[in-house]
Protein backbone atom coordinates (compact mmCIF):
# COMPACT_ATOMS: atom_id res chain seq x y z
CA MET A 1 -17.91 -11.92 16.27
CA ALA A 2 -14.46 -11.79 14.69
CA VAL A 3 -13.90 -9.59 11.64
CA ARG A 4 -11.15 -10.93 9.39
CA ASP A 5 -9.37 -9.53 6.33
CA SER A 6 -8.59 -11.41 3.11
CA ASN A 7 -5.54 -13.08 4.70
CA GLY A 8 -7.38 -14.16 7.85
CA ALA A 9 -5.90 -11.53 10.19
CA GLU A 10 -8.35 -10.22 12.77
CA LEU A 11 -9.38 -6.56 12.41
CA ASP A 12 -10.17 -4.19 15.29
CA ASP A 13 -11.42 -0.61 15.54
CA GLY A 14 -8.64 1.85 14.70
CA ASP A 15 -6.58 -0.53 12.54
CA SER A 16 -5.06 0.46 9.20
CA VAL A 17 -5.97 -1.53 6.09
CA GLN A 18 -4.75 -1.65 2.51
CA VAL A 19 -6.90 -2.24 -0.60
CA ILE A 20 -5.71 -5.30 -2.57
CA LYS A 21 -7.68 -4.65 -5.78
CA ASP A 22 -8.89 -1.62 -7.78
CA LEU A 23 -12.48 -0.95 -6.70
CA LYS A 24 -15.13 1.25 -8.30
CA VAL A 25 -17.15 3.35 -5.87
CA LYS A 26 -20.91 3.16 -6.38
CA GLY A 27 -22.59 6.47 -7.10
CA THR A 28 -19.39 8.24 -8.17
CA SER A 29 -16.94 8.12 -11.03
CA SER A 30 -13.96 7.56 -8.70
CA THR A 31 -11.93 4.39 -8.23
CA LEU A 32 -10.05 3.19 -5.15
CA LYS A 33 -6.59 2.23 -6.36
CA ARG A 34 -4.82 -0.94 -5.28
CA GLY A 35 -2.40 -0.22 -2.44
CA SER A 36 -4.42 2.66 -0.93
CA VAL A 37 -4.12 2.69 2.86
CA TYR A 38 -7.02 3.69 5.11
CA LYS A 39 -6.39 4.42 8.78
CA ASN A 40 -8.71 4.28 11.79
CA ILE A 41 -11.32 1.91 10.40
CA ARG A 42 -14.57 1.31 12.27
CA LEU A 43 -16.27 -2.07 12.50
CA THR A 44 -19.95 -2.32 11.60
CA SER A 45 -22.67 -4.69 12.76
CA ASN A 46 -22.00 -6.73 9.60
CA ASP A 47 -18.79 -8.77 10.02
CA GLU A 48 -18.01 -8.54 6.27
CA GLN A 49 -17.90 -4.71 6.13
CA VAL A 50 -15.87 -1.88 7.68
CA GLU A 51 -16.28 1.90 7.52
CA CYS A 52 -13.45 4.29 6.75
CA ARG A 53 -12.98 7.92 5.81
CA GLN A 54 -12.01 9.10 2.34
CA GLY A 55 -11.55 12.84 2.52
CA LYS A 56 -14.72 14.21 4.07
CA SER A 57 -16.94 11.26 3.16
CA THR A 58 -17.36 7.87 4.81
CA ILE A 59 -17.21 4.74 2.67
CA VAL A 60 -18.03 1.12 3.48
CA LEU A 61 -15.59 -1.52 2.24
CA LYS A 62 -15.91 -5.29 2.12
CA THR A 63 -13.25 -7.10 4.14
CA CYS A 64 -12.52 -9.57 1.31
CA PHE A 65 -10.76 -6.72 -0.56
CA LEU A 66 -8.65 -5.55 2.41
CA LYS A 67 -5.50 -6.62 4.19
CA LYS A 68 -4.24 -5.42 7.55
CA VAL A 69 -1.15 -3.18 7.51
């Protein structure tokens, strides 16, 4: 199972990714701004999602809105 970002680059555990579009976070009033970089991502069982840390919380992002840094 290969996890790929929006540009087709393969993602691995521990990679850094950048958000390519402003995204609203469900359940909160916050927004992830375009250009935000998240380090040390973790792959999930779903090949279209990755987990990353935002402060003390963990969020799940879709790979179609990410690009590898």
